[in-house]
Amino acid sequence: MSEHPSSALERTLVLVGLMGAGKSTIGRRLAARLGMPFVDADSEIEAAAGCSIADIFELHGEEAFRDGERRVIERLLGPPVKILATGGGAFMQDETRELIKQGALSLWLRADLDILHRRTSRRTSRPLLLKGNPREVLAGLIAERHPVYAQSDMVIETDDSPHAVVVDRILDALIARGDLQGPPPDNHGDEIDEDGDDL
């Protein structure tokens, strides 16, 4: 593996965005490039609850899920500094968003409707997409959530480019902001599955 940047991130980097934006897949690659831990908040929520997110929604409702999500994210914002992928609705919650703003850097992975629809159609375990036509649901989520995601510290386009290219965009943005000393390492984390579970 190539050398890591001479100065690692001082704060956790939280990835936000809609389902299918690539938060888990790109987050894993970014963490590998930086030699940092990667954590998926949804996986941590499932571990804490002892059941799937779909089951939490069905058994307890979204309000209970969001409360648990906030508590888990608050814990995950503690040390060590890491790359943290969050669920699509996390940044929409006022308290959770404020926790992220106060304790971390936030980065919105932005993708258009066609890309999101294509990626999310590969999985049937997304509760919000079970409530109607998936493309129409996604279009509604874009209208509702994108203006809030825009409050993130950084915005990176995630399109049909290879994941390594998106990771390079993130590293360049972090260096430009002064959050990371470059140049970024040239290792592209090719050992990570290109079809990671977030897509």
C-alpha atoms as a PDB file:
ATOM      1  CA  MET A   1       0.000   0.000   0.000  1.00  0.00           C
ATOM      2  CA  SER A   2       1.231   3.469  -0.807  1.00  0.00           C
ATOM      3  CA  GLU A   3       2.040   6.008   1.865  1.00  0.00           C
ATOM      4  CA  HIS A   4      -0.883   7.744   3.511  1.00  0.00           C
ATOM      5  CA  PRO A   5      -1.143  11.532   3.508  1.00  0.00           C
ATOM      6  CA  SER A   6       1.288  13.108   5.946  1.00  0.00           C
ATOM      7  CA  SER A   7      -1.530  14.415   8.148  1.00  0.00           C
ATOM      8  CA  ALA A   8      -4.632  12.315   8.724  1.00  0.00           C
ATOM      9  CA  LEU A   9      -8.083  13.777   9.240  1.00  0.00           C
ATOM     10  CA  GLU A  10      -8.556  15.362  12.642  1.00  0.00           C
ATOM     11  CA  ARG A  11     -12.321  14.824  12.649  1.00  0.00           C
ATOM     12  CA  THR A  12     -14.539  11.968  11.569  1.00  0.00           C
ATOM     13  CA  LEU A  13     -15.811  12.312   8.001  1.00  0.00           C
ATOM     14  CA  VAL A  14     -19.536  11.558   7.782  1.00  0.00           C
ATOM     15  CA  LEU A  15     -20.919  10.535   4.399  1.00  0.00           C
ATOM     16  CA  VAL A  16     -24.518  11.560   3.752  1.00  0.00           C
ATOM     17  CA  GLY A  17     -26.819  11.097   0.783  1.00  0.00           C
ATOM     18  CA  LEU A  18     -29.677   9.052  -0.554  1.00  0.00           C
ATOM     19  CA  MET A  19     -29.706   5.276  -0.721  1.00  0.00           C
ATOM     20  CA  GLY A  20     -27.663   4.140  -3.684  1.00  0.00           C
ATOM     21  CA  ALA A  21     -25.324   7.147  -3.639  1.00  0.00           C
ATOM     22  CA  GLY A  22     -22.423   4.855  -2.760  1.00  0.00           C
ATOM     23  CA  LYS A  23     -21.823   5.819   0.865  1.00  0.00           C
ATOM     24  CA  SER A  24     -20.745   2.360   2.025  1.00  0.00           C
ATOM     25  CA  THR A  25     -18.785   1.348  -1.061  1.00  0.00           C
ATOM     26  CA  ILE A  26     -16.991   4.653  -1.529  1.00  0.00           C
ATOM     27  CA  GLY A  27     -16.563   5.016   2.222  1.00  0.00           C
ATOM     28  CA  ARG A  28     -14.729   1.697   2.420  1.00  0.00           C
ATOM     29  CA  ARG A  29     -12.423   2.691  -0.432  1.00  0.00           C
ATOM     30  CA  LEU A  30     -11.763   6.110   1.079  1.00  0.00           C
ATOM     31  CA  ALA A  31     -10.962   4.577   4.464  1.00  0.00           C
ATOM     32  CA  ALA A  32      -8.552   2.150   2.786  1.00  0.00           C
ATOM     33  CA  ARG A  33      -6.803   5.010   0.992  1.00  0.00           C
ATOM     34  CA  LEU A  34      -6.407   6.943   4.240  1.00  0.00           C
ATOM     35  CA  GLY A  35      -5.601   3.997   6.495  1.00  0.00           C
ATOM     36  CA  MET A  36      -8.598   4.869   8.682  1.00  0.00           C
ATOM     37  CA  PRO A  37     -11.417   2.758  10.126  1.00  0.00           C
ATOM     38  CA  PHE A  38     -14.702   2.570   8.221  1.00  0.00           C
ATOM     39  CA  VAL A  39     -18.027   2.185  10.023  1.00  0.00           C
ATOM     40  CA  ASP A  40     -21.508   1.842   8.556  1.00  0.00           C
ATOM     41  CA  ALA A  41     -24.067   3.374  10.919  1.00  0.00           C
ATOM     42  CA  ASP A  42     -26.913   1.183   9.643  1.00  0.00           C
ATOM     43  CA  SER A  43     -24.911  -1.964  10.413  1.00  0.00           C
ATOM     44  CA  GLU A  44     -24.216  -0.643  13.905  1.00  0.00           C
ATOM     45  CA  ILE A  45     -27.925   0.112  14.412  1.00  0.00           C
ATOM     46  CA  GLU A  46     -28.852  -3.426  13.376  1.00  0.00           C
ATOM     47  CA  ALA A  47     -26.243  -4.864  15.724  1.00  0.00           C
ATOM     48  CA  ALA A  48     -27.519  -2.754  18.618  1.00  0.00           C
ATOM     49  CA  ALA A  49     -31.168  -3.661  17.917  1.00  0.00           C
ATOM     50  CA  GLY A  50     -30.543  -7.320  17.137  1.00  0.00           C
ATOM     51  CA  CYS A  51     -32.687  -7.124  13.998  1.00  0.00           C
ATOM     52  CA  SER A  52     -32.713  -5.609  10.530  1.00  0.00           C
ATOM     53  CA  ILE A  53     -33.618  -1.998   9.807  1.00  0.00           C
ATOM     54  CA  ALA A  54     -36.632  -3.224   7.837  1.00  0.00           C
ATOM     55  CA  ASP A  55     -37.795  -5.107  10.939  1.00  0.00           C
ATOM     56  CA  ILE A  56     -37.254  -2.049  13.166  1.00  0.00           C
ATOM     57  CA  PHE A  57     -39.423   0.025  10.808  1.00  0.00           C
ATOM     58  CA  GLU A  58     -42.135  -2.638  10.724  1.00  0.00           C
ATOM     59  CA  LEU A  59     -42.173  -3.483  14.430  1.00  0.00           C
ATOM     60  CA  HIS A  60     -41.483  -0.108  16.031  1.00  0.00           C
ATOM     61  CA  GLY A  61     -41.999   2.568  13.382  1.00  0.00           C
ATOM     62  CA  GLU A  62     -39.742   5.219  11.925  1.00  0.00           C
ATOM     63  CA  GLU A  63     -39.763   7.465  14.995  1.00  0.00           C
ATOM     64  CA  ALA A  64     -38.259   4.722  17.168  1.00  0.00           C
ATOM     65  CA  PHE A  65     -35.728   3.948  14.452  1.00  0.00           C
ATOM     66  CA  ARG A  66     -34.638   7.597  14.188  1.00  0.00           C
ATOM     67  CA  ASP A  67     -34.194   7.834  17.943  1.00  0.00           C
ATOM     68  CA  GLY A  68     -31.977   4.766  17.960  1.00  0.00           C
ATOM     69  CA  GLU A  69     -30.124   6.017  14.898  1.00  0.00           C
ATOM     70  CA  ARG A  70     -29.327   9.332  16.599  1.00  0.00           C
ATOM     71  CA  ARG A  71     -27.974   7.606  19.688  1.00  0.00           C
ATOM     72  CA  VAL A  72     -25.798   5.253  17.652  1.00  0.00           C
ATOM     73  CA  ILE A  73     -24.414   8.076  15.499  1.00  0.00           C
ATOM     74  CA  GLU A  74     -23.662  10.152  18.604  1.00  0.00           C
ATOM     75  CA  ARG A  75     -21.607   7.231  19.936  1.00  0.00           C
ATOM     76  CA  LEU A  76     -19.855   6.699  16.606  1.00  0.00           C
ATOM     77  CA  LEU A  77     -18.810  10.349  16.415  1.00  0.00           C
ATOM     78  CA  GLY A  78     -16.503   9.664  19.354  1.00  0.00           C
ATOM     79  CA  PRO A  79     -12.922   8.492  18.924  1.00  0.00           C
ATOM     80  CA  PRO A  80     -11.248   7.101  16.983  1.00  0.00           C
ATOM     81  CA  VAL A  81     -11.528   9.370  13.949  1.00  0.00           C
ATOM     82  CA  LYS A  82     -13.126   7.357  11.158  1.00  0.00           C
ATOM     83  CA  ILE A  83     -15.045   7.359   7.893  1.00  0.00           C
ATOM     84  CA  LEU A  84     -18.721   7.004   8.846  1.00  0.00           C
ATOM     85  CA  ALA A  85     -21.478   6.158   6.367  1.00  0.00           C
ATOM     86  CA  THR A  86     -24.975   7.136   7.504  1.00  0.00           C
ATOM     87  CA  GLY A  87     -28.413   6.123   6.330  1.00  0.00           C
ATOM     88  CA  GLY A  88     -30.258   8.363   3.900  1.00  0.00           C
ATOM     89  CA  GLY A  89     -32.577   9.855   6.513  1.00  0.00           C
ATOM     90  CA  ALA A  90     -30.054  10.492   9.278  1.00  0.00           C
ATOM     91  CA  PHE A  91     -28.964  13.980   8.168  1.00  0.00           C
ATOM     92  CA  MET A  92     -32.627  14.973   7.814  1.00  0.00           C
ATOM     93  CA  GLN A  93     -33.140  14.753  11.584  1.00  0.00           C
ATOM     94  CA  ASP A  94     -32.434  18.088  13.267  1.00  0.00           C
ATOM     95  CA  GLU A  95     -30.709  16.676  16.360  1.00  0.00           C
ATOM     96  CA  THR A  96     -28.643  14.173  14.386  1.00  0.00           C
ATOM     97  CA  ARG A  97     -27.621  16.807  11.837  1.00  0.00           C
ATOM     98  CA  GLU A  98     -26.531  19.156  14.628  1.00  0.00           C
ATOM     99  CA  LEU A  99     -24.459  16.391  16.228  1.00  0.00           C
ATOM    100  CA  ILE A 100     -22.718  15.810  12.908  1.00  0.00           C
ATOM    101  CA  LYS A 101     -22.146  19.532  12.321  1.00  0.00           C
ATOM    102  CA  GLN A 102     -20.634  19.976  15.771  1.00  0.00           C
ATOM    103  CA  GLY A 103     -18.492  16.858  15.883  1.00  0.00           C
ATOM    104  CA  ALA A 104     -17.482  15.926  12.347  1.00  0.00           C
ATOM    105  CA  LEU A 105     -17.009  16.903   8.727  1.00  0.00           C
ATOM    106  CA  SER A 106     -19.986  16.089   6.522  1.00  0.00           C
ATOM    107  CA  LEU A 107     -19.774  15.147   2.869  1.00  0.00           C
ATOM    108  CA  TRP A 108     -22.790  14.751   0.593  1.00  0.00           C
ATOM    109  CA  LEU A 109     -22.421  12.141  -2.140  1.00  0.00           C
ATOM    110  CA  ARG A 110     -24.816  13.524  -4.751  1.00  0.00           C
ATOM    111  CA  ALA A 111     -26.250  11.336  -7.510  1.00  0.00           C
ATOM    112  CA  ASP A 112     -29.058  11.877 -10.002  1.00  0.00           C
ATOM    113  CA  LEU A 113     -32.337   9.996 -10.155  1.00  0.00           C
ATOM    114  CA  ASP A 114     -31.369   7.619 -12.957  1.00  0.00           C
ATOM    115  CA  ILE A 115     -28.244   6.459 -11.118  1.00  0.00           C
ATOM    116  CA  LEU A 116     -30.037   6.074  -7.790  1.00  0.00           C
ATOM    117  CA  HIS A 117     -32.905   4.142  -9.348  1.00  0.00           C
ATOM    118  CA  ARG A 118     -30.591   1.788 -11.195  1.00  0.00           C
ATOM    119  CA  ARG A 119     -28.467   1.075  -8.139  1.00  0.00           C
ATOM    120  CA  THR A 120     -31.295   0.640  -5.643  1.00  0.00           C
ATOM    121  CA  SER A 121     -33.176  -1.718  -7.962  1.00  0.00           C
ATOM    122  CA  ARG A 122     -30.505  -4.332  -7.229  1.00  0.00           C
ATOM    123  CA  ARG A 123     -31.845  -4.783  -3.682  1.00  0.00           C
ATOM    124  CA  THR A 124     -35.326  -5.292  -2.234  1.00  0.00           C
ATOM    125  CA  SER A 125     -34.527  -4.608   1.429  1.00  0.00           C
ATOM    126  CA  ARG A 126     -35.031  -0.834   1.478  1.00  0.00           C
ATOM    127  CA  PRO A 127     -38.163  -0.027   3.543  1.00  0.00           C
ATOM    128  CA  LEU A 128     -38.871   3.367   1.986  1.00  0.00           C
ATOM    129  CA  LEU A 129     -38.935   1.885  -1.527  1.00  0.00           C
ATOM    130  CA  LEU A 130     -41.604  -0.641  -0.574  1.00  0.00           C
ATOM    131  CA  LYS A 131     -44.225   2.101  -0.254  1.00  0.00           C
ATOM    132  CA  GLY A 132     -44.906   2.649  -3.945  1.00  0.00           C
ATOM    133  CA  ASN A 133     -43.252   2.980  -7.323  1.00  0.00           C
ATOM    134  CA  PRO A 134     -39.522   3.042  -6.424  1.00  0.00           C
ATOM    135  CA  ARG A 135     -38.592   5.648  -9.030  1.00  0.00           C
ATOM    136  CA  GLU A 136     -41.378   7.966  -7.901  1.00  0.00           C
ATOM    137  CA  VAL A 137     -40.420   7.449  -4.251  1.00  0.00           C
ATOM    138  CA  LEU A 138     -36.798   8.315  -5.057  1.00  0.00           C
ATOM    139  CA  ALA A 139     -37.877  11.425  -6.981  1.00  0.00           C
ATOM    140  CA  GLY A 140     -39.856  12.554  -3.938  1.00  0.00           C
ATOM    141  CA  LEU A 141     -36.908  11.897  -1.644  1.00  0.00           C
ATOM    142  CA  ILE A 142     -34.634  13.937  -3.919  1.00  0.00           C
ATOM    143  CA  ALA A 143     -37.038  16.891  -3.763  1.00  0.00           C
ATOM    144  CA  GLU A 144     -37.323  16.620   0.018  1.00  0.00           C
ATOM    145  CA  ARG A 145     -33.798  15.765   1.044  1.00  0.00           C
ATOM    146  CA  HIS A 146     -31.374  17.349  -1.402  1.00  0.00           C
ATOM    147  CA  PRO A 147     -31.925  20.893  -0.030  1.00  0.00           C
ATOM    148  CA  VAL A 148     -31.026  19.610   3.461  1.00  0.00           C
ATOM    149  CA  TYR A 149     -28.067  17.533   2.265  1.00  0.00           C
ATOM    150  CA  ALA A 150     -26.792  20.776   0.702  1.00  0.00           C
ATOM    151  CA  GLN A 151     -25.994  21.961   4.247  1.00  0.00           C
ATOM    152  CA  SER A 152     -23.079  19.505   4.277  1.00  0.00           C
ATOM    153  CA  ASP A 153     -19.533  20.821   4.486  1.00  0.00           C
ATOM    154  CA  MET A 154     -18.684  19.326   1.082  1.00  0.00           C
ATOM    155  CA  VAL A 155     -20.541  18.050  -1.970  1.00  0.00           C
ATOM    156  CA  ILE A 156     -19.077  15.418  -4.279  1.00  0.00           C
ATOM    157  CA  GLU A 157     -20.749  14.120  -7.416  1.00  0.00           C
ATOM    158  CA  THR A 158     -21.006  10.349  -7.612  1.00  0.00           C
ATOM    159  CA  ASP A 159     -21.828   9.363 -11.160  1.00  0.00           C
ATOM    160  CA  ASP A 160     -20.902   6.462 -13.413  1.00  0.00           C
ATOM    161  CA  SER A 161     -17.196   7.112 -12.890  1.00  0.00           C
ATOM    162  CA  PRO A 162     -15.187   4.290 -11.251  1.00  0.00           C
ATOM    163  CA  HIS A 163     -15.307   4.414  -7.480  1.00  0.00           C
ATOM    164  CA  ALA A 164     -11.588   5.203  -7.365  1.00  0.00           C
ATOM    165  CA  VAL A 165     -12.262   8.404  -9.322  1.00  0.00           C
ATOM    166  CA  VAL A 166     -14.906   9.496  -6.805  1.00  0.00           C
ATOM    167  CA  VAL A 167     -12.487   8.769  -3.964  1.00  0.00           C
ATOM    168  CA  ASP A 168      -9.886  10.959  -5.699  1.00  0.00           C
ATOM    169  CA  ARG A 169     -12.457  13.759  -5.889  1.00  0.00           C
ATOM    170  CA  ILE A 170     -13.037  13.485  -2.146  1.00  0.00           C
ATOM    171  CA  LEU A 171      -9.315  13.512  -1.369  1.00  0.00           C
ATOM    172  CA  ASP A 172      -8.804  16.544  -3.614  1.00  0.00           C
ATOM    173  CA  ALA A 173     -11.662  18.355  -1.868  1.00  0.00           C
ATOM    174  CA  LEU A 174     -10.263  17.561   1.582  1.00  0.00           C
ATOM    175  CA  ILE A 175      -6.820  18.826   0.548  1.00  0.00           C
ATOM    176  CA  ALA A 176      -8.323  21.995  -0.962  1.00  0.00           C
ATOM    177  CA  ARG A 177     -10.167  22.692   2.305  1.00  0.00           C
ATOM    178  CA  GLY A 178      -6.989  22.137   4.327  1.00  0.00           C
ATOM    179  CA  ASP A 179      -8.475  19.157   6.181  1.00  0.00           C
ATOM    180  CA  LEU A 180      -5.880  16.797   4.729  1.00  0.00           C
ATOM    181  CA  GLN A 181      -2.240  17.235   3.828  1.00  0.00           C
ATOM    182  CA  GLY A 182      -1.439  15.771   0.391  1.00  0.00           C
ATOM    183  CA  PRO A 183      -0.693  14.491  -1.997  1.00  0.00           C
ATOM    184  CA  PRO A 184      -3.239  11.670  -1.660  1.00  0.00           C
ATOM    185  CA  PRO A 185      -1.862   8.137  -1.894  1.00  0.00           C
ATOM    186  CA  ASP A 186      -2.155   6.419  -5.260  1.00  0.00           C
ATOM    187  CA  ASN A 187      -3.504   3.140  -3.907  1.00  0.00           C
ATOM    188  CA  HIS A 188      -7.036   2.739  -5.256  1.00  0.00           C
ATOM    189  CA  GLY A 189      -8.201   0.031  -2.884  1.00  0.00           C
ATOM    190  CA  ASP A 190      -8.797  -2.361  -5.751  1.00  0.00           C
ATOM    191  CA  GLU A 191      -9.166  -5.224  -3.299  1.00  0.00           C
ATOM    192  CA  ILE A 192     -12.593  -3.832  -2.366  1.00  0.00           C
ATOM    193  CA  ASP A 193     -15.553  -5.239  -4.270  1.00  0.00           C
ATOM    194  CA  GLU A 194     -16.715  -2.762  -6.919  1.00  0.00           C
ATOM    195  CA  ASP A 195     -20.322  -3.817  -6.250  1.00  0.00           C
ATOM    196  CA  GLY A 196     -20.290  -2.997  -2.554  1.00  0.00           C
ATOM    197  CA  ASP A 197     -23.445  -3.437  -0.509  1.00  0.00           C
ATOM    198  CA  ASP A 198     -24.560   0.180  -0.570  1.00  0.00           C
ATOM    199  CA  LEU A 199     -25.199   0.236  -4.313  1.00  0.00           C
END
